[in-house]
Amino acid sequence: MGNKIVIALGGNALGNNCKEQMEAVKYTSNSIVDLIAEGNEIVIAHGNGPQVGMINLAMESREMPLPECGAMSQGYIGYHLQKAIREEFRNRGIDKDVVSIITQSLIDKNDKAFKNPTKPIGSFYSKEEALELERKKGYTMLEDAGRGYRRVVPSPLPTDIVEKKVIKSLIKDGHVVITVGGGGIPVVEENGALVGIPAVIDKDFASEKLAEIIDADYLIILTAVDKVAINYGKSNERWLDQLSIEETKKYIEEGHFAPGSMLPKVEAALKFANSKKGRKALITSLEKAKDGIKGNTGTLISDK
């Protein structure tokens, strides 16, 4: 009997343009279908930081709001992913369907994130270019992990997923679902209607919320490294195989994980592992996900 698993793919792992993304998803789909072939029930979430920024920049002259740009990113990333996964199914003789859901995530309009934009989107810029964008367009620009400057927008926490009943129904019928793309389109409820908000929800927290809602066994958060480290980049750097709830909280409080990078991944993993007895969260690289489930690599966070 396999596990019910939510896989959170990073937007940066999908390339910087359509051509790169079409190549990247071929490799991604191979690893995902490996897990499905072993009997696991897989639900796929993905980031959209580079993609939504690219769309927003391209549509700027048309004054396209950020929520609509988020919907566009869900559409074209989902299209590439489901096409590549379907092709991999066909190559292996697996009779399954895969579908993408344009997903909305409910947020609290009073979330403190609106007072402190932190979520990077779009391309990387030099310091000079960033200052010019701040002056001309009023963007908030921050340095991102030594790679350059990027625009940052508010990143509120999701409180619910609007399309959860549809998602659950599709999973129950045996379909592979791609959902909460880019964390879902942030919406608030006003007078019974849903209103899109110019923000980007962190895909790790949206994936965690999704994993709770569908009662997943595993949340797998994929990143550029095989394991999580403390004292990263220092002489006493240590890579971690397993973490208890208390150990994870301790390392977060000690400031071992970079905000906007590893910190949200660890926080989301902790939240899921702590949400119900027996739930596990794994942080690892895409190519090691299958080995991670078998306990051979990755950082596993659980109640032990």
Protein backbone atom coordinates (compact mmCIF):
# COMPACT_ATOMS: atom_id res chain seq x y z
CA MET A 1 0.00 0.00 0.00
CA GLY A 2 1.50 3.33 -1.07
CA ASN A 3 1.43 6.70 0.64
CA LYS A 4 -0.68 9.76 -0.12
CA ILE A 5 1.95 12.40 -0.88
CA VAL A 6 1.88 16.12 -1.64
CA ILE A 7 4.97 17.16 -3.62
CA ALA A 8 5.91 20.84 -3.56
CA LEU A 9 7.98 21.79 -6.61
CA GLY A 10 9.96 25.04 -6.55
CA GLY A 11 9.29 27.64 -9.23
CA ASN A 12 13.03 28.20 -9.71
CA ALA A 13 13.43 24.51 -10.64
CA LEU A 14 11.15 25.02 -13.64
CA GLY A 15 13.47 27.32 -15.60
CA ASN A 16 13.40 31.00 -16.50
CA ASN A 17 11.37 30.87 -19.72
CA CYS A 18 9.00 28.60 -21.66
CA LYS A 19 11.75 26.72 -23.50
CA GLU A 20 13.71 26.00 -20.31
CA GLN A 21 10.53 24.97 -18.52
CA MET A 22 9.51 22.48 -21.21
CA GLU A 23 12.90 20.80 -20.81
CA ALA A 24 12.84 20.93 -17.00
CA VAL A 25 9.40 19.30 -16.67
CA LYS A 26 10.55 16.24 -18.65
CA TYR A 27 13.04 15.45 -15.91
CA THR A 28 10.57 16.43 -13.20
CA SER A 29 7.83 14.20 -14.58
CA ASN A 30 10.19 11.21 -14.69
CA SER A 31 10.85 11.48 -10.94
CA ILE A 32 7.18 12.04 -10.12
CA VAL A 33 6.04 9.05 -12.17
CA ASP A 34 8.69 6.91 -10.43
CA LEU A 35 6.79 7.56 -7.19
CA ILE A 36 3.41 6.86 -8.81
CA ALA A 37 4.70 3.61 -10.33
CA GLU A 38 5.58 2.42 -6.81
CA GLY A 39 1.93 2.73 -5.78
CA ASN A 40 1.97 6.18 -4.17
CA GLU A 41 -0.94 8.61 -4.59
CA ILE A 42 0.64 11.89 -5.72
CA VAL A 43 -0.72 15.45 -5.63
CA ILE A 44 1.54 18.12 -7.12
CA ALA A 45 1.94 21.71 -5.99
CA HIS A 46 4.40 24.17 -7.52
CA GLY A 47 5.92 27.59 -7.06
CA ASN A 48 5.70 30.40 -9.60
CA GLY A 49 8.05 33.13 -8.34
CA PRO A 50 10.08 33.59 -11.56
CA GLN A 51 7.09 32.89 -13.80
CA VAL A 52 4.56 35.26 -12.22
CA GLY A 53 7.18 38.02 -12.21
CA MET A 54 7.91 37.41 -15.90
CA ILE A 55 4.20 37.51 -16.77
CA ASN A 56 3.63 40.62 -14.66
CA LEU A 57 6.52 42.38 -16.41
CA ALA A 58 5.31 41.35 -19.88
CA MET A 59 1.73 42.46 -19.14
CA GLU A 60 2.66 45.65 -17.32
CA SER A 61 1.67 47.97 -20.16
CA ARG A 62 -1.78 46.35 -20.14
CA GLU A 63 -2.09 46.91 -16.37
CA MET A 64 -2.75 43.22 -15.70
CA PRO A 65 -3.32 42.73 -11.93
CA LEU A 66 -1.05 40.33 -10.03
CA PRO A 67 -3.87 37.83 -9.20
CA GLU A 68 -4.60 37.43 -12.93
CA CYS A 69 -0.86 37.01 -13.58
CA GLY A 70 -0.89 34.26 -10.96
CA ALA A 71 -3.76 32.53 -12.75
CA MET A 72 -1.83 32.72 -16.03
CA SER A 73 1.21 31.14 -14.39
CA GLN A 74 -0.92 28.30 -13.01
CA GLY A 75 -2.26 27.69 -16.49
CA TYR A 76 0.97 27.50 -18.40
CA ILE A 77 3.02 25.71 -15.71
CA GLY A 78 0.17 23.22 -15.22
CA TYR A 79 -0.07 22.71 -18.98
CA HIS A 80 3.63 21.87 -19.28
CA LEU A 81 3.59 19.59 -16.22
CA GLN A 82 0.48 17.64 -17.15
CA LYS A 83 1.67 17.23 -20.75
CA ALA A 84 5.04 15.85 -19.61
CA ILE A 85 3.50 13.55 -16.96
CA ARG A 86 0.94 12.22 -19.45
CA GLU A 87 3.75 11.48 -21.90
CA GLU A 88 5.67 9.62 -19.16
CA PHE A 89 2.53 7.64 -18.31
CA ARG A 90 2.15 6.66 -21.95
CA ASN A 91 5.79 5.60 -22.21
CA ARG A 92 5.41 3.32 -19.19
CA GLY A 93 1.96 1.97 -20.02
CA ILE A 94 0.33 3.57 -16.97
CA ASP A 95 -3.40 4.22 -17.38
CA LYS A 96 -3.93 7.42 -15.39
CA ASP A 97 -5.18 10.92 -16.07
CA VAL A 98 -3.52 14.14 -14.88
CA VAL A 99 -5.27 17.49 -14.55
CA SER A 100 -4.42 21.03 -13.41
CA ILE A 101 -6.80 23.05 -11.25
CA ILE A 102 -6.82 26.85 -11.29
CA THR A 103 -6.76 27.21 -7.52
CA GLN A 104 -7.66 30.05 -5.17
CA SER A 105 -6.34 30.26 -1.61
CA LEU A 106 -8.27 32.17 1.03
CA ILE A 107 -6.24 34.62 3.10
CA ASP A 108 -6.87 37.03 5.96
CA LYS A 109 -6.88 40.59 4.63
CA ASN A 110 -5.42 41.70 7.97
CA ASP A 111 -2.44 39.33 7.68
CA LYS A 112 0.69 41.07 8.99
CA ALA A 113 2.50 40.13 5.75
CA PHE A 114 0.92 43.14 4.03
CA LYS A 115 3.01 45.43 6.23
CA ASN A 116 6.26 43.66 5.31
CA PRO A 117 6.60 42.38 1.70
CA THR A 118 9.10 39.50 1.58
CA LYS A 119 8.17 37.14 -1.29
CA PRO A 120 10.57 37.46 -4.26
CA ILE A 121 9.11 37.31 -7.77
CA GLY A 122 10.51 37.81 -11.23
CA SER A 123 14.03 38.24 -12.53
CA PHE A 124 17.26 39.08 -10.73
CA TYR A 125 18.65 42.62 -11.04
CA SER A 126 21.82 44.44 -10.10
CA LYS A 127 21.70 46.91 -7.21
CA GLU A 128 21.64 49.83 -9.65
CA GLU A 129 18.77 48.33 -11.67
CA ALA A 130 16.86 47.57 -8.45
CA LEU A 131 17.17 51.16 -7.24
CA GLU A 132 15.90 52.39 -10.61
CA LEU A 133 12.86 50.08 -10.43
CA GLU A 134 12.11 51.32 -6.93
CA ARG A 135 12.30 54.91 -8.14
CA LYS A 136 10.32 54.43 -11.36
CA LYS A 137 7.71 51.85 -10.40
CA GLY A 138 7.55 52.02 -6.61
CA TYR A 139 8.54 48.35 -6.24
CA THR A 140 10.09 47.00 -3.06
CA MET A 141 13.40 45.38 -4.07
CA LEU A 142 15.49 43.12 -1.81
CA GLU A 143 18.70 41.14 -2.21
CA ASP A 144 17.92 37.42 -2.68
CA ALA A 145 20.43 34.86 -1.32
CA GLY A 146 23.47 36.44 -2.95
CA ARG A 147 22.05 36.06 -6.46
CA GLY A 148 20.99 39.66 -7.03
CA TYR A 149 17.98 41.86 -6.29
CA ARG A 150 14.35 40.90 -6.91
CA ARG A 151 10.98 42.52 -6.48
CA VAL A 152 9.22 41.42 -3.30
CA VAL A 153 5.47 41.38 -2.63
CA PRO A 154 3.37 40.46 0.44
CA SER A 155 3.20 36.74 1.25
CA PRO A 156 0.16 36.08 3.48
CA LEU A 157 -0.59 32.63 4.91
CA PRO A 158 -3.41 30.59 3.35
CA THR A 159 -6.34 29.84 5.65
CA ASP A 160 -8.25 27.54 3.27
CA ILE A 161 -8.35 26.31 -0.33
CA VAL A 162 -11.46 27.29 -2.28
CA GLU A 163 -11.45 24.31 -4.68
CA LYS A 164 -10.79 21.67 -2.00
CA LYS A 165 -13.95 19.63 -2.70
CA VAL A 166 -13.08 19.31 -6.40
CA ILE A 167 -9.49 18.39 -5.55
CA LYS A 168 -10.60 15.69 -3.08
CA SER A 169 -13.08 14.28 -5.61
CA LEU A 170 -10.44 14.01 -8.34
CA ILE A 171 -7.98 12.32 -5.97
CA LYS A 172 -10.67 9.85 -4.85
CA ASP A 173 -11.27 8.93 -8.50
CA GLY A 174 -7.57 8.11 -8.94
CA HIS A 175 -6.46 11.13 -10.93
CA VAL A 176 -3.15 12.95 -10.51
CA VAL A 177 -3.91 16.56 -9.56
CA ILE A 178 -1.74 19.64 -10.05
CA THR A 179 -3.04 22.34 -7.73
CA VAL A 180 -2.26 25.40 -5.54
CA GLY A 181 0.14 26.58 -8.26
CA GLY A 182 2.25 29.43 -6.94
CA GLY A 183 0.55 28.95 -3.57
CA GLY A 184 -2.85 29.54 -5.12
CA ILE A 185 -4.34 32.87 -6.19
CA PRO A 186 -4.74 34.91 -2.97
CA VAL A 187 -8.36 35.87 -2.41
CA VAL A 188 -10.47 37.35 0.38
CA GLU A 189 -14.22 37.04 0.81
CA GLU A 190 -16.17 40.29 0.61
CA ASN A 191 -19.98 40.29 0.75
CA GLY A 192 -20.07 36.67 -0.40
CA ALA A 193 -17.75 37.24 -3.37
CA LEU A 194 -14.07 36.30 -3.76
CA VAL A 195 -11.71 39.19 -4.51
CA GLY A 196 -8.15 38.68 -5.80
CA ILE A 197 -5.37 40.35 -3.78
CA PRO A 198 -1.98 41.53 -5.19
CA ALA A 199 0.26 39.12 -3.26
CA VAL A 200 1.97 35.75 -3.71
CA ILE A 201 1.42 32.94 -1.22
CA ASP A 202 4.48 30.84 -0.43
CA LYS A 203 4.01 27.49 -2.17
CA ASP A 204 5.42 25.59 0.83
CA PHE A 205 2.71 26.90 3.17
CA ALA A 206 0.00 26.35 0.55
CA SER A 207 1.29 22.82 0.01
CA GLU A 208 1.16 22.23 3.76
CA LYS A 209 -2.43 23.47 3.93
CA LEU A 210 -3.32 21.22 0.99
CA ALA A 211 -1.62 18.22 2.62
CA GLU A 212 -3.67 18.73 5.80
CA ILE A 213 -6.93 19.13 3.88
CA ILE A 214 -6.50 15.91 1.85
CA ASP A 215 -5.12 14.02 4.89
CA ALA A 216 -1.79 13.19 3.23
CA ASP A 217 0.76 10.88 4.82
CA TYR A 218 3.75 12.80 3.50
CA LEU A 219 4.57 16.34 2.52
CA ILE A 220 7.68 16.38 0.34
CA ILE A 221 9.22 19.81 -0.10
CA LEU A 222 11.78 19.83 -2.89
CA THR A 223 14.80 22.09 -2.85
CA ALA A 224 18.25 22.45 -4.41
CA VAL A 225 20.02 20.32 -1.76
CA ASP A 226 19.54 16.73 -0.59
CA LYS A 227 19.22 17.61 3.10
CA VAL A 228 18.74 20.50 5.51
CA ALA A 229 21.82 21.82 7.32
CA ILE A 230 22.49 23.77 10.48
CA ASN A 231 25.42 26.21 10.56
CA TYR A 232 25.13 26.23 6.77
CA GLY A 233 28.29 27.38 5.01
CA LYS A 234 30.33 27.44 8.23
CA SER A 235 33.18 25.23 9.42
CA ASN A 236 30.79 23.41 11.78
CA GLU A 237 28.11 22.83 9.12
CA ARG A 238 26.06 19.70 9.78
CA TRP A 239 23.60 17.99 7.45
CA LEU A 240 20.53 16.53 9.16
CA ASP A 241 18.91 13.14 8.51
CA GLN A 242 16.03 13.29 11.00
CA LEU A 243 14.47 15.96 13.18
CA SER A 244 11.88 15.74 15.92
CA ILE A 245 9.25 18.45 16.37
CA GLU A 246 11.17 19.91 19.32
CA GLU A 247 14.54 19.83 17.55
CA THR A 248 13.03 21.62 14.54
CA LYS A 249 11.52 24.34 16.73
CA LYS A 250 14.86 24.79 18.51
CA TYR A 251 16.84 25.20 15.28
CA ILE A 252 14.28 27.69 13.92
CA GLU A 253 14.53 29.76 17.12
CA GLU A 254 18.32 29.70 16.88
CA GLY A 255 18.11 31.23 13.39
CA HIS A 256 19.76 28.42 11.41
CA PHE A 257 17.53 28.80 8.33
CA ALA A 258 17.53 31.70 5.89
CA PRO A 259 14.25 33.67 5.58
CA GLY A 260 12.79 33.45 2.08
CA SER A 261 14.91 30.36 1.37
CA MET A 262 15.11 27.35 3.72
CA LEU A 263 13.10 28.86 6.61
CA PRO A 264 9.61 28.63 5.00
CA LYS A 265 10.34 25.07 3.91
CA VAL A 266 11.30 24.01 7.43
CA GLU A 267 8.39 25.93 8.99
CA ALA A 268 5.88 24.35 6.58
CA ALA A 269 7.36 20.89 7.17
CA LEU A 270 7.14 21.41 10.94
CA LYS A 271 3.53 22.58 10.73
CA PHE A 272 2.49 19.48 8.78
CA ALA A 273 4.42 17.01 10.94
CA ASN A 274 2.88 18.61 14.03
CA SER A 275 -0.69 18.67 12.65
CA LYS A 276 -1.58 15.00 13.27
CA LYS A 277 0.16 11.95 14.70
CA GLY A 278 1.93 9.88 12.07
CA ARG A 279 2.32 12.64 9.49
CA LYS A 280 5.80 13.12 8.07
CA ALA A 281 7.51 15.88 6.11
CA LEU A 282 10.58 15.31 3.95
CA ILE A 283 12.87 18.02 2.61
CA THR A 284 15.15 16.86 -0.19
CA SER A 285 16.02 17.31 -3.87
CA LEU A 286 13.76 16.12 -6.68
CA GLU A 287 16.08 13.36 -7.84
CA LYS A 288 16.34 11.96 -4.29
CA ALA A 289 12.61 12.01 -3.42
CA LYS A 290 12.12 8.28 -4.01
CA ASP A 291 15.18 7.41 -1.92
CA GLY A 292 14.02 9.86 0.75
CA ILE A 293 10.71 8.05 1.25
CA LYS A 294 12.69 4.83 1.73
CA GLY A 295 14.74 6.58 4.43
CA ASN A 296 18.00 6.67 2.46
CA THR A 297 18.42 10.44 2.19
CA GLY A 298 16.74 13.79 2.83
CA THR A 299 15.75 15.41 6.10
CA LEU A 300 12.71 13.79 7.69
CA ILE A 301 10.69 15.82 10.20
CA SER A 302 8.23 13.81 12.29
CA ASP A 303 6.89 13.30 15.81
CA LYS A 304 9.15 10.18 16.01
